[in-house]
Amino acid sequence: MSVSGEGVPLVVITRAVPTESGGAPEIDGCRVRMAAAEPGMTRAELLASIRGAAGVVSMFNDRVDAEFLAAAGPGLKVVCNYAVGVDNIDLPACRRAGVPVAHLPDAVTEGTANMAMGLLLCVARRLPAGDAYVRSGAFASKGNGFPIGWMGMHLAGQTMLIVGAGRIGLAVARRARAFGMRVRYVARSAHREFEGGEISGQRVELDAGLAEADVVSLHVPLTAQTRHLLDRRRIGLLKPTAIVINTARGAVVEEAALIEALEAGRIWGAGLDVFEHEPEVPARLRALDNVVLSPHVGSSERYWRIRMTELACANVAAGVAGRPLVSPVPEWMYAV
């Protein structure tokens, strides 16, 4: 149970998180201070809020850097990012300060994979545009153009290229196979779980895979190496019938080049849960009816968000007590 009183380690949660009880989470041996929900705090307010914290649960849009660590003070023992990605965290700075960092790799998998497939279905079958058409009264006055109106893109027998063969990529591959799709994947090394049994996928080089793909689903962390991984040249490799799905990080795609390809009809469409300069979304992108947009909510299923809270609390409790973290950021992330 959490406790109160001066001298008890303080844990700060920088945005309201869901719990089974509906209240603030409890963390053994700690007092918990949880911020409000949206719209969040200014940078100055954020830095003031973490002063004296022994543990912080940060959000994906909180910049955790030397300034953040100094604001918390020398008693900070752990930071847990309420996400799987840690591109908002200066990992070398945390290491220099002796502050271990945790993230939430397992709890986001199923929700984000569901979002990727949901976006794909919406784009392929033009569901948001169809919804708007019905709501406008046009269906009643103009009909549906049967049998040639509102034709979408089929998925069975099509090829999905999964870029990034981690937990979420694997979960999406399983869903793609259930829809009768072929799976190709891009990774630094071969992954047996993609190539055997139910998935029977094939590892390919990125450029070759893009040229073959009917659907590209992005599942890589944002690093210096993956920024604009899908750039203007690579977007040019796609078929005119291709669909791009991004539930990773917005800057993995060169957004301006994607918009140009969508406007010109050089690809079929895109489903985007993330954006290069979010929360800002270009007006040109918002104007397109061959794009489905969602506000970076890939893992936002109630069950899994509560699991994220539980895992974050377990990590912070361990860090404050000086125990090994439950899901520490892996060593390779410090090197990219």
C-alpha atoms as a PDB file:
ATOM      1  CA  MET A   1       0.000   0.000   0.000  1.00  0.00           C
ATOM      2  CA  SER A   2       1.023   3.581  -0.566  1.00  0.00           C
ATOM      3  CA  VAL A   3       1.679   5.699   2.486  1.00  0.00           C
ATOM      4  CA  SER A   4       1.726   9.409   3.262  1.00  0.00           C
ATOM      5  CA  GLY A   5       3.849  11.795   5.240  1.00  0.00           C
ATOM      6  CA  GLU A   6       7.125  13.637   4.998  1.00  0.00           C
ATOM      7  CA  GLY A   7      10.164  11.405   4.678  1.00  0.00           C
ATOM      8  CA  VAL A   8       8.209   8.869   2.616  1.00  0.00           C
ATOM      9  CA  PRO A   9       9.554   8.561  -0.965  1.00  0.00           C
ATOM     10  CA  LEU A  10       7.544  10.633  -3.434  1.00  0.00           C
ATOM     11  CA  VAL A  11       6.488   9.223  -6.796  1.00  0.00           C
ATOM     12  CA  VAL A  12       5.214  11.706  -9.370  1.00  0.00           C
ATOM     13  CA  ILE A  13       3.009  10.576 -12.260  1.00  0.00           C
ATOM     14  CA  THR A  14       3.041  13.359 -14.826  1.00  0.00           C
ATOM     15  CA  ARG A  15      -0.399  12.668 -16.304  1.00  0.00           C
ATOM     16  CA  ALA A  16      -3.494  10.975 -14.927  1.00  0.00           C
ATOM     17  CA  VAL A  17      -3.399   7.234 -15.612  1.00  0.00           C
ATOM     18  CA  PRO A  18      -6.230   4.679 -15.439  1.00  0.00           C
ATOM     19  CA  THR A  19      -6.611   2.191 -12.592  1.00  0.00           C
ATOM     20  CA  GLU A  20      -9.150  -0.483 -11.683  1.00  0.00           C
ATOM     21  CA  SER A  21     -10.380   1.692  -8.815  1.00  0.00           C
ATOM     22  CA  GLY A  22     -10.595   4.847 -10.888  1.00  0.00           C
ATOM     23  CA  GLY A  23      -8.371   6.738  -8.446  1.00  0.00           C
ATOM     24  CA  ALA A  24      -4.656   7.302  -8.194  1.00  0.00           C
ATOM     25  CA  PRO A  25      -2.551   4.136  -8.134  1.00  0.00           C
ATOM     26  CA  GLU A  26      -0.949   2.920  -4.943  1.00  0.00           C
ATOM     27  CA  ILE A  27       2.757   2.099  -4.815  1.00  0.00           C
ATOM     28  CA  ASP A  28       4.181   0.172  -1.900  1.00  0.00           C
ATOM     29  CA  GLY A  29       6.170   2.312   0.509  1.00  0.00           C
ATOM     30  CA  CYS A  30       5.612   5.518  -1.460  1.00  0.00           C
ATOM     31  CA  ARG A  31       3.344   8.511  -1.528  1.00  0.00           C
ATOM     32  CA  VAL A  32       1.948   9.161  -4.981  1.00  0.00           C
ATOM     33  CA  ARG A  33       1.227  12.502  -6.583  1.00  0.00           C
ATOM     34  CA  MET A  34      -0.596  12.221  -9.891  1.00  0.00           C
ATOM     35  CA  ALA A  35      -1.127  15.161 -12.223  1.00  0.00           C
ATOM     36  CA  ALA A  36      -4.383  15.963 -13.944  1.00  0.00           C
ATOM     37  CA  ALA A  37      -5.427  14.558 -17.301  1.00  0.00           C
ATOM     38  CA  GLU A  38      -5.214  16.551 -20.536  1.00  0.00           C
ATOM     39  CA  PRO A  39      -4.045  19.084 -21.520  1.00  0.00           C
ATOM     40  CA  GLY A  40      -1.050  18.463 -19.293  1.00  0.00           C
ATOM     41  CA  MET A  41       1.561  20.808 -17.872  1.00  0.00           C
ATOM     42  CA  THR A  42       3.891  23.381 -19.322  1.00  0.00           C
ATOM     43  CA  ARG A  43       7.580  22.547 -19.188  1.00  0.00           C
ATOM     44  CA  ALA A  44       8.075  24.827 -16.204  1.00  0.00           C
ATOM     45  CA  GLU A  45       5.148  23.249 -14.381  1.00  0.00           C
ATOM     46  CA  LEU A  46       6.463  19.775 -15.169  1.00  0.00           C
ATOM     47  CA  LEU A  47       9.910  20.558 -13.762  1.00  0.00           C
ATOM     48  CA  ALA A  48       8.403  22.090 -10.646  1.00  0.00           C
ATOM     49  CA  SER A  49       6.139  19.082 -10.118  1.00  0.00           C
ATOM     50  CA  ILE A  50       8.961  16.535  -9.982  1.00  0.00           C
ATOM     51  CA  ARG A  51      11.120  18.383  -7.466  1.00  0.00           C
ATOM     52  CA  GLY A  52      12.156  15.983  -4.699  1.00  0.00           C
ATOM     53  CA  ALA A  53      10.759  12.887  -6.429  1.00  0.00           C
ATOM     54  CA  ALA A  54      12.294   9.481  -5.800  1.00  0.00           C
ATOM     55  CA  GLY A  55      10.473   8.065  -8.819  1.00  0.00           C
ATOM     56  CA  VAL A  56       8.757   9.521 -11.878  1.00  0.00           C
ATOM     57  CA  VAL A  57       6.300   7.951 -14.278  1.00  0.00           C
ATOM     58  CA  SER A  58       6.809  10.065 -17.400  1.00  0.00           C
ATOM     59  CA  MET A  59       4.660  10.336 -20.511  1.00  0.00           C
ATOM     60  CA  PHE A  60       5.890   9.851 -24.092  1.00  0.00           C
ATOM     61  CA  ASN A  61       5.834  13.626 -24.684  1.00  0.00           C
ATOM     62  CA  ASP A  62       7.763  14.555 -21.502  1.00  0.00           C
ATOM     63  CA  ARG A  63      11.350  15.394 -22.375  1.00  0.00           C
ATOM     64  CA  VAL A  64      13.499  13.611 -19.810  1.00  0.00           C
ATOM     65  CA  ASP A  65      16.946  15.162 -20.070  1.00  0.00           C
ATOM     66  CA  ALA A  66      19.669  16.686 -17.889  1.00  0.00           C
ATOM     67  CA  GLU A  67      17.410  19.618 -17.003  1.00  0.00           C
ATOM     68  CA  PHE A  68      14.630  17.220 -15.963  1.00  0.00           C
ATOM     69  CA  LEU A  69      16.991  15.138 -13.850  1.00  0.00           C
ATOM     70  CA  ALA A  70      18.426  18.234 -12.158  1.00  0.00           C
ATOM     71  CA  ALA A  71      14.921  19.484 -11.409  1.00  0.00           C
ATOM     72  CA  ALA A  72      14.020  16.222  -9.694  1.00  0.00           C
ATOM     73  CA  GLY A  73      17.163  16.377  -7.616  1.00  0.00           C
ATOM     74  CA  PRO A  74      19.720  13.862  -6.364  1.00  0.00           C
ATOM     75  CA  GLY A  75      17.108  11.656  -4.712  1.00  0.00           C
ATOM     76  CA  LEU A  76      15.675  10.477  -8.037  1.00  0.00           C
ATOM     77  CA  LYS A  77      16.087   6.709  -8.234  1.00  0.00           C
ATOM     78  CA  VAL A  78      14.009   5.647 -11.231  1.00  0.00           C
ATOM     79  CA  VAL A  79      12.119   6.906 -14.272  1.00  0.00           C
ATOM     80  CA  CYS A  80       9.502   4.744 -15.961  1.00  0.00           C
ATOM     81  CA  ASN A  81       8.199   5.901 -19.334  1.00  0.00           C
ATOM     82  CA  TYR A  82       4.485   5.239 -19.805  1.00  0.00           C
ATOM     83  CA  ALA A  83       5.181   3.855 -23.280  1.00  0.00           C
ATOM     84  CA  VAL A  84       7.349   1.315 -25.044  1.00  0.00           C
ATOM     85  CA  GLY A  85       9.297   3.933 -27.016  1.00  0.00           C
ATOM     86  CA  VAL A  86      11.859   6.085 -25.207  1.00  0.00           C
ATOM     87  CA  ASP A  87      12.815   8.624 -27.864  1.00  0.00           C
ATOM     88  CA  ASN A  88      11.750  11.353 -25.407  1.00  0.00           C
ATOM     89  CA  ILE A  89      14.365  10.215 -22.886  1.00  0.00           C
ATOM     90  CA  ASP A  90      18.045  11.115 -22.966  1.00  0.00           C
ATOM     91  CA  LEU A  91      19.241   7.676 -21.916  1.00  0.00           C
ATOM     92  CA  PRO A  92      22.958   8.609 -21.703  1.00  0.00           C
ATOM     93  CA  ALA A  93      22.064  11.523 -19.399  1.00  0.00           C
ATOM     94  CA  CYS A  94      20.089   9.161 -17.169  1.00  0.00           C
ATOM     95  CA  ARG A  95      22.993   6.749 -17.082  1.00  0.00           C
ATOM     96  CA  ARG A  96      25.431   9.505 -16.165  1.00  0.00           C
ATOM     97  CA  ALA A  97      23.095  10.533 -13.346  1.00  0.00           C
ATOM     98  CA  GLY A  98      22.789   6.940 -12.161  1.00  0.00           C
ATOM     99  CA  VAL A  99      19.025   6.856 -12.788  1.00  0.00           C
ATOM    100  CA  PRO A 100      17.757   3.562 -14.246  1.00  0.00           C
ATOM    101  CA  VAL A 101      14.978   3.784 -16.832  1.00  0.00           C
ATOM    102  CA  ALA A 102      12.065   1.415 -17.370  1.00  0.00           C
ATOM    103  CA  HIS A 103       9.485   1.206 -20.131  1.00  0.00           C
ATOM    104  CA  LEU A 104       6.348  -0.833 -20.844  1.00  0.00           C
ATOM    105  CA  PRO A 105       7.032  -3.203 -23.745  1.00  0.00           C
ATOM    106  CA  ASP A 106       4.488  -5.951 -23.070  1.00  0.00           C
ATOM    107  CA  ALA A 107       1.427  -3.979 -22.050  1.00  0.00           C
ATOM    108  CA  VAL A 108       1.159  -1.993 -25.301  1.00  0.00           C
ATOM    109  CA  THR A 109       1.423  -4.902 -27.740  1.00  0.00           C
ATOM    110  CA  GLU A 110      -2.138  -6.100 -28.280  1.00  0.00           C
ATOM    111  CA  GLY A 111      -3.792  -2.693 -28.237  1.00  0.00           C
ATOM    112  CA  THR A 112      -1.347  -1.225 -30.740  1.00  0.00           C
ATOM    113  CA  ALA A 113      -1.635  -4.242 -33.030  1.00  0.00           C
ATOM    114  CA  ASN A 114      -5.409  -3.881 -32.950  1.00  0.00           C
ATOM    115  CA  MET A 115      -5.066  -0.210 -33.857  1.00  0.00           C
ATOM    116  CA  ALA A 116      -2.811  -1.039 -36.809  1.00  0.00           C
ATOM    117  CA  MET A 117      -5.335  -3.507 -38.188  1.00  0.00           C
ATOM    118  CA  GLY A 118      -8.221  -1.139 -37.439  1.00  0.00           C
ATOM    119  CA  LEU A 119      -6.531   1.642 -39.390  1.00  0.00           C
ATOM    120  CA  LEU A 120      -5.828  -0.766 -42.237  1.00  0.00           C
ATOM    121  CA  LEU A 121      -9.463  -1.854 -42.488  1.00  0.00           C
ATOM    122  CA  CYS A 122     -10.659   1.749 -42.334  1.00  0.00           C
ATOM    123  CA  VAL A 123      -8.304   2.804 -45.128  1.00  0.00           C
ATOM    124  CA  ALA A 124      -8.856  -0.264 -47.295  1.00  0.00           C
ATOM    125  CA  ARG A 125     -12.656  -0.035 -47.087  1.00  0.00           C
ATOM    126  CA  ARG A 126     -12.850   3.805 -46.911  1.00  0.00           C
ATOM    127  CA  LEU A 127     -14.922   3.596 -43.755  1.00  0.00           C
ATOM    128  CA  PRO A 128     -14.522   7.172 -42.405  1.00  0.00           C
ATOM    129  CA  ALA A 129     -15.449   8.643 -45.800  1.00  0.00           C
ATOM    130  CA  GLY A 130     -18.420   6.280 -45.996  1.00  0.00           C
ATOM    131  CA  ASP A 131     -19.513   7.239 -42.503  1.00  0.00           C
ATOM    132  CA  ALA A 132     -19.377  10.939 -43.433  1.00  0.00           C
ATOM    133  CA  TYR A 133     -21.317  10.225 -46.633  1.00  0.00           C
ATOM    134  CA  VAL A 134     -24.160   8.577 -44.729  1.00  0.00           C
ATOM    135  CA  ARG A 135     -24.236  11.254 -42.015  1.00  0.00           C
ATOM    136  CA  SER A 136     -24.411  14.003 -44.635  1.00  0.00           C
ATOM    137  CA  GLY A 137     -27.657  12.575 -46.052  1.00  0.00           C
ATOM    138  CA  ALA A 138     -26.004  11.787 -49.395  1.00  0.00           C
ATOM    139  CA  PHE A 139     -26.741   8.063 -49.126  1.00  0.00           C
ATOM    140  CA  ALA A 140     -30.456   8.792 -48.866  1.00  0.00           C
ATOM    141  CA  SER A 141     -30.421  11.214 -51.789  1.00  0.00           C
ATOM    142  CA  LYS A 142     -27.800   9.698 -54.087  1.00  0.00           C
ATOM    143  CA  GLY A 143     -27.565   6.021 -53.115  1.00  0.00           C
ATOM    144  CA  ASN A 144     -24.352   4.050 -52.890  1.00  0.00           C
ATOM    145  CA  GLY A 145     -23.495   3.764 -56.573  1.00  0.00           C
ATOM    146  CA  PHE A 146     -23.914  -0.019 -56.530  1.00  0.00           C
ATOM    147  CA  PRO A 147     -22.173  -2.025 -57.903  1.00  0.00           C
ATOM    148  CA  ILE A 148     -19.214   0.228 -58.711  1.00  0.00           C
ATOM    149  CA  GLY A 149     -19.497   2.794 -55.926  1.00  0.00           C
ATOM    150  CA  TRP A 150     -17.347   2.827 -52.796  1.00  0.00           C
ATOM    151  CA  MET A 151     -15.072   0.030 -53.932  1.00  0.00           C
ATOM    152  CA  GLY A 152     -12.254  -0.636 -51.486  1.00  0.00           C
ATOM    153  CA  MET A 153      -9.017  -2.569 -51.483  1.00  0.00           C
ATOM    154  CA  HIS A 154      -9.086  -6.308 -50.762  1.00  0.00           C
ATOM    155  CA  LEU A 155      -6.690  -7.826 -48.206  1.00  0.00           C
ATOM    156  CA  ALA A 156      -6.842 -11.611 -48.688  1.00  0.00           C
ATOM    157  CA  GLY A 157      -3.899 -12.709 -50.811  1.00  0.00           C
ATOM    158  CA  GLN A 158      -2.168  -9.347 -50.466  1.00  0.00           C
ATOM    159  CA  THR A 159       1.345  -8.859 -49.086  1.00  0.00           C
ATOM    160  CA  MET A 160       1.958  -7.046 -45.812  1.00  0.00           C
ATOM    161  CA  LEU A 161       5.465  -5.766 -45.135  1.00  0.00           C
ATOM    162  CA  ILE A 162       6.154  -5.411 -41.422  1.00  0.00           C
ATOM    163  CA  VAL A 163       9.057  -3.071 -40.716  1.00  0.00           C
ATOM    164  CA  GLY A 164      10.346  -3.940 -37.263  1.00  0.00           C
ATOM    165  CA  ALA A 165      10.078  -7.483 -35.952  1.00  0.00           C
ATOM    166  CA  GLY A 166       9.401  -6.826 -32.278  1.00  0.00           C
ATOM    167  CA  ARG A 167       6.413  -7.746 -30.147  1.00  0.00           C
ATOM    168  CA  ILE A 168       3.962  -5.436 -31.904  1.00  0.00           C
ATOM    169  CA  GLY A 169       5.166  -6.381 -35.364  1.00  0.00           C
ATOM    170  CA  LEU A 170       4.675 -10.048 -34.509  1.00  0.00           C
ATOM    171  CA  ALA A 171       1.172  -9.408 -33.171  1.00  0.00           C
ATOM    172  CA  VAL A 172       0.280  -7.560 -36.388  1.00  0.00           C
ATOM    173  CA  ALA A 173       1.722 -10.411 -38.465  1.00  0.00           C
ATOM    174  CA  ARG A 174      -0.591 -12.864 -36.708  1.00  0.00           C
ATOM    175  CA  ARG A 175      -3.582 -10.647 -37.458  1.00  0.00           C
ATOM    176  CA  ALA A 176      -2.525 -10.233 -41.084  1.00  0.00           C
ATOM    177  CA  ARG A 177      -2.335 -13.995 -41.534  1.00  0.00           C
ATOM    178  CA  ALA A 178      -5.838 -14.328 -40.074  1.00  0.00           C
ATOM    179  CA  PHE A 179      -6.994 -12.042 -42.902  1.00  0.00           C
ATOM    180  CA  GLY A 180      -5.315 -14.303 -45.448  1.00  0.00           C
ATOM    181  CA  MET A 181      -2.368 -12.019 -46.145  1.00  0.00           C
ATOM    182  CA  ARG A 182       1.205 -12.968 -46.966  1.00  0.00           C
ATOM    183  CA  VAL A 183       3.813 -11.635 -44.546  1.00  0.00           C
ATOM    184  CA  ARG A 184       7.202 -10.153 -45.326  1.00  0.00           C
ATOM    185  CA  TYR A 185       9.291  -8.525 -42.620  1.00  0.00           C
ATOM    186  CA  VAL A 186      12.322  -6.259 -42.267  1.00  0.00           C
ATOM    187  CA  ALA A 187      14.674  -6.768 -39.335  1.00  0.00           C
ATOM    188  CA  ARG A 188      18.375  -6.643 -38.548  1.00  0.00           C
ATOM    189  CA  SER A 189      18.423 -10.419 -38.144  1.00  0.00           C
ATOM    190  CA  ALA A 190      16.194 -13.396 -38.869  1.00  0.00           C
ATOM    191  CA  HIS A 191      13.307 -14.068 -36.473  1.00  0.00           C
ATOM    192  CA  ARG A 192      12.175 -17.682 -36.363  1.00  0.00           C
ATOM    193  CA  GLU A 193       8.776 -16.754 -34.919  1.00  0.00           C
ATOM    194  CA  PHE A 194       8.034 -14.844 -38.143  1.00  0.00           C
ATOM    195  CA  GLU A 195       9.162 -17.617 -40.453  1.00  0.00           C
ATOM    196  CA  GLY A 196       7.595 -20.781 -39.086  1.00  0.00           C
ATOM    197  CA  GLY A 197       4.177 -22.188 -38.400  1.00  0.00           C
ATOM    198  CA  GLU A 198       1.210 -19.866 -38.492  1.00  0.00           C
ATOM    199  CA  ILE A 199       2.956 -16.872 -40.059  1.00  0.00           C
ATOM    200  CA  SER A 200       5.336 -18.434 -42.615  1.00  0.00           C
ATOM    201  CA  GLY A 201       6.840 -15.018 -43.252  1.00  0.00           C
ATOM    202  CA  GLN A 202       9.914 -14.133 -45.241  1.00  0.00           C
ATOM    203  CA  ARG A 203      12.652 -11.702 -44.274  1.00  0.00           C
ATOM    204  CA  VAL A 204      13.460  -9.157 -46.974  1.00  0.00           C
ATOM    205  CA  GLU A 205      15.553  -6.051 -47.445  1.00  0.00           C
ATOM    206  CA  LEU A 206      13.602  -2.837 -46.976  1.00  0.00           C
ATOM    207  CA  ASP A 207      13.715  -1.518 -50.544  1.00  0.00           C
ATOM    208  CA  ALA A 208      12.778  -4.867 -52.086  1.00  0.00           C
ATOM    209  CA  GLY A 209       9.995  -5.334 -49.565  1.00  0.00           C
ATOM    210  CA  LEU A 210       8.536  -1.892 -50.245  1.00  0.00           C
ATOM    211  CA  ALA A 211       8.376  -2.569 -53.975  1.00  0.00           C
ATOM    212  CA  GLU A 212       6.470  -5.812 -53.341  1.00  0.00           C
ATOM    213  CA  ALA A 213       4.191  -4.647 -50.531  1.00  0.00           C
ATOM    214  CA  ASP A 214       0.475  -3.991 -50.742  1.00  0.00           C
ATOM    215  CA  VAL A 215       0.507  -2.838 -47.109  1.00  0.00           C
ATOM    216  CA  VAL A 216       3.444  -1.416 -45.127  1.00  0.00           C
ATOM    217  CA  SER A 217       3.072  -1.456 -41.340  1.00  0.00           C
ATOM    218  CA  LEU A 218       5.745   0.380 -39.345  1.00  0.00           C
ATOM    219  CA  HIS A 219       6.870  -0.899 -35.933  1.00  0.00           C
ATOM    220  CA  VAL A 220      10.353   0.486 -35.275  1.00  0.00           C
ATOM    221  CA  PRO A 221      11.495   2.781 -32.459  1.00  0.00           C
ATOM    222  CA  LEU A 222      12.452   6.328 -33.399  1.00  0.00           C
ATOM    223  CA  THR A 223      16.234   6.626 -33.448  1.00  0.00           C
ATOM    224  CA  ALA A 224      18.768   8.533 -35.493  1.00  0.00           C
ATOM    225  CA  GLN A 225      18.832   5.549 -37.849  1.00  0.00           C
ATOM    226  CA  THR A 226      15.061   5.248 -38.277  1.00  0.00           C
ATOM    227  CA  ARG A 227      14.170   8.936 -38.598  1.00  0.00           C
ATOM    228  CA  HIS A 228      12.678   9.321 -42.106  1.00  0.00           C
ATOM    229  CA  LEU A 229      13.279   5.625 -42.706  1.00  0.00           C
ATOM    230  CA  LEU A 230      10.340   5.852 -45.106  1.00  0.00           C
ATOM    231  CA  ASP A 231      11.630   8.865 -47.010  1.00  0.00           C
ATOM    232  CA  ARG A 232      10.769  10.376 -50.394  1.00  0.00           C
ATOM    233  CA  ARG A 233      12.860   7.871 -52.336  1.00  0.00           C
ATOM    234  CA  ARG A 234      11.406   4.869 -50.551  1.00  0.00           C
ATOM    235  CA  ILE A 235       7.844   6.162 -50.794  1.00  0.00           C
ATOM    236  CA  GLY A 236       8.523   6.295 -54.535  1.00  0.00           C
ATOM    237  CA  LEU A 237       9.139   2.525 -54.511  1.00  0.00           C
ATOM    238  CA  LEU A 238       5.570   1.783 -53.403  1.00  0.00           C
ATOM    239  CA  LYS A 239       2.839   0.539 -55.702  1.00  0.00           C
ATOM    240  CA  PRO A 240       0.007   2.943 -56.568  1.00  0.00           C
ATOM    241  CA  THR A 241      -2.284   0.536 -54.697  1.00  0.00           C
ATOM    242  CA  ALA A 242      -0.142   0.443 -51.523  1.00  0.00           C
ATOM    243  CA  ILE A 243      -1.334   1.413 -48.050  1.00  0.00           C
ATOM    244  CA  VAL A 244       0.992   2.789 -45.334  1.00  0.00           C
ATOM    245  CA  ILE A 245       0.132   2.196 -41.665  1.00  0.00           C
ATOM    246  CA  ASN A 246       2.120   3.970 -38.950  1.00  0.00           C
ATOM    247  CA  THR A 247       1.537   3.248 -35.262  1.00  0.00           C
ATOM    248  CA  ALA A 248       5.223   3.675 -34.326  1.00  0.00           C
ATOM    249  CA  ARG A 249       6.478   7.277 -34.285  1.00  0.00           C
ATOM    250  CA  GLY A 250       5.571  10.000 -36.751  1.00  0.00           C
ATOM    251  CA  ALA A 251       9.119  10.954 -37.707  1.00  0.00           C
ATOM    252  CA  VAL A 252       9.826   7.441 -38.993  1.00  0.00           C
ATOM    253  CA  VAL A 253       8.043   8.741 -42.126  1.00  0.00           C
ATOM    254  CA  GLU A 254       9.009  11.829 -44.115  1.00  0.00           C
ATOM    255  CA  GLU A 255       5.579  13.354 -43.676  1.00  0.00           C
ATOM    256  CA  ALA A 256       5.804  15.974 -46.433  1.00  0.00           C
ATOM    257  CA  ALA A 257       6.747  13.328 -48.990  1.00  0.00           C
ATOM    258  CA  LEU A 258       3.921  11.057 -47.840  1.00  0.00           C
ATOM    259  CA  ILE A 259       1.412  13.901 -48.200  1.00  0.00           C
ATOM    260  CA  GLU A 260       2.603  14.588 -51.752  1.00  0.00           C
ATOM    261  CA  ALA A 261       2.235  10.909 -52.698  1.00  0.00           C
ATOM    262  CA  LEU A 262      -1.261  10.758 -51.208  1.00  0.00           C
ATOM    263  CA  GLU A 263      -2.363  13.985 -52.892  1.00  0.00           C
ATOM    264  CA  ALA A 264      -1.093  12.780 -56.269  1.00  0.00           C
ATOM    265  CA  GLY A 265      -2.673   9.338 -55.902  1.00  0.00           C
ATOM    266  CA  ARG A 266       0.714   7.644 -56.157  1.00  0.00           C
ATOM    267  CA  ILE A 267      -0.350   5.374 -53.285  1.00  0.00           C
ATOM    268  CA  TRP A 268      -3.832   4.200 -52.283  1.00  0.00           C
ATOM    269  CA  GLY A 269      -3.904   5.591 -48.763  1.00  0.00           C
ATOM    270  CA  ALA A 270      -2.498   5.733 -45.256  1.00  0.00           C
ATOM    271  CA  GLY A 271      -3.581   5.098 -41.685  1.00  0.00           C
ATOM    272  CA  LEU A 272      -1.683   7.251 -39.205  1.00  0.00           C
ATOM    273  CA  ASP A 273      -1.838   7.189 -35.422  1.00  0.00           C
ATOM    274  CA  VAL A 274       1.336   9.277 -35.117  1.00  0.00           C
ATOM    275  CA  PHE A 275       2.673  12.417 -36.777  1.00  0.00           C
ATOM    276  CA  GLU A 276       6.046  13.982 -37.357  1.00  0.00           C
ATOM    277  CA  HIS A 277       5.358  17.161 -35.354  1.00  0.00           C
ATOM    278  CA  GLU A 278       2.453  16.061 -33.196  1.00  0.00           C
ATOM    279  CA  PRO A 279       0.166  17.215 -31.853  1.00  0.00           C
ATOM    280  CA  GLU A 280       0.309  19.466 -34.934  1.00  0.00           C
ATOM    281  CA  VAL A 281      -1.098  17.755 -38.027  1.00  0.00           C
ATOM    282  CA  PRO A 282      -0.687  19.523 -41.388  1.00  0.00           C
ATOM    283  CA  ALA A 283      -3.867  20.922 -42.910  1.00  0.00           C
ATOM    284  CA  ARG A 284      -3.016  19.215 -46.214  1.00  0.00           C
ATOM    285  CA  LEU A 285      -3.013  15.859 -44.453  1.00  0.00           C
ATOM    286  CA  ARG A 286      -6.270  16.573 -42.632  1.00  0.00           C
ATOM    287  CA  ALA A 287      -7.894  17.497 -45.946  1.00  0.00           C
ATOM    288  CA  LEU A 288      -7.279  14.129 -47.606  1.00  0.00           C
ATOM    289  CA  ASP A 289     -10.035  11.515 -47.742  1.00  0.00           C
ATOM    290  CA  ASN A 290      -7.638   8.653 -48.502  1.00  0.00           C
ATOM    291  CA  VAL A 291      -6.065   8.972 -45.041  1.00  0.00           C
ATOM    292  CA  VAL A 292      -7.408   7.828 -41.669  1.00  0.00           C
ATOM    293  CA  LEU A 293      -6.062   9.777 -38.693  1.00  0.00           C
ATOM    294  CA  SER A 294      -6.118   8.991 -34.978  1.00  0.00           C
ATOM    295  CA  PRO A 295      -4.577  11.026 -32.116  1.00  0.00           C
ATOM    296  CA  HIS A 296      -1.685   8.760 -30.998  1.00  0.00           C
ATOM    297  CA  VAL A 297      -3.897   6.358 -29.075  1.00  0.00           C
ATOM    298  CA  GLY A 298      -2.544   3.046 -30.372  1.00  0.00           C
ATOM    299  CA  SER A 299      -2.419   1.283 -27.011  1.00  0.00           C
ATOM    300  CA  SER A 300      -5.559   2.932 -25.664  1.00  0.00           C
ATOM    301  CA  GLU A 301      -7.713  -0.043 -24.751  1.00  0.00           C
ATOM    302  CA  ARG A 302      -8.961   0.095 -21.186  1.00  0.00           C
ATOM    303  CA  TYR A 303      -7.700  -3.336 -20.182  1.00  0.00           C
ATOM    304  CA  TRP A 304      -4.202  -2.734 -21.548  1.00  0.00           C
ATOM    305  CA  ARG A 305      -3.901   0.809 -20.240  1.00  0.00           C
ATOM    306  CA  ILE A 306      -4.625  -0.465 -16.735  1.00  0.00           C
ATOM    307  CA  ARG A 307      -1.955  -3.137 -17.250  1.00  0.00           C
ATOM    308  CA  MET A 308       0.429  -0.346 -18.296  1.00  0.00           C
ATOM    309  CA  THR A 309      -0.299   1.465 -15.038  1.00  0.00           C
ATOM    310  CA  GLU A 310       0.316  -1.688 -13.019  1.00  0.00           C
ATOM    311  CA  LEU A 311       3.615  -2.395 -14.786  1.00  0.00           C
ATOM    312  CA  ALA A 312       4.744   1.226 -14.386  1.00  0.00           C
ATOM    313  CA  CYS A 313       3.996   1.088 -10.662  1.00  0.00           C
ATOM    314  CA  ALA A 314       5.852  -2.214 -10.300  1.00  0.00           C
ATOM    315  CA  ASN A 315       8.904  -0.710 -11.986  1.00  0.00           C
ATOM    316  CA  VAL A 316       8.848   2.410  -9.828  1.00  0.00           C
ATOM    317  CA  ALA A 317       8.363   0.433  -6.617  1.00  0.00           C
ATOM    318  CA  ALA A 318      11.370  -1.704  -7.526  1.00  0.00           C
ATOM    319  CA  GLY A 319      13.524   1.273  -8.447  1.00  0.00           C
ATOM    320  CA  VAL A 320      12.720   3.254  -5.307  1.00  0.00           C
ATOM    321  CA  ALA A 321      13.515   0.171  -3.183  1.00  0.00           C
ATOM    322  CA  GLY A 322      16.801  -0.411  -5.011  1.00  0.00           C
ATOM    323  CA  ARG A 323      15.652  -3.669  -6.600  1.00  0.00           C
ATOM    324  CA  PRO A 324      16.103  -4.640 -10.278  1.00  0.00           C
ATOM    325  CA  LEU A 325      13.488  -3.090 -12.539  1.00  0.00           C
ATOM    326  CA  VAL A 326      10.732  -5.305 -13.902  1.00  0.00           C
ATOM    327  CA  SER A 327      11.063  -4.076 -17.500  1.00  0.00           C
ATOM    328  CA  PRO A 328      14.249  -2.004 -17.838  1.00  0.00           C
ATOM    329  CA  VAL A 329      15.077  -0.321 -21.124  1.00  0.00           C
ATOM    330  CA  PRO A 330      17.316  -2.848 -22.951  1.00  0.00           C
ATOM    331  CA  GLU A 331      20.980  -2.113 -23.406  1.00  0.00           C
ATOM    332  CA  TRP A 332      20.763  -1.783 -27.182  1.00  0.00           C
ATOM    333  CA  MET A 333      18.497   1.259 -26.846  1.00  0.00           C
ATOM    334  CA  TYR A 334      21.295   3.128 -25.064  1.00  0.00           C
ATOM    335  CA  ALA A 335      23.535   2.632 -28.095  1.00  0.00           C
ATOM    336  CA  VAL A 336      21.265   4.032 -30.824  1.00  0.00           C
END
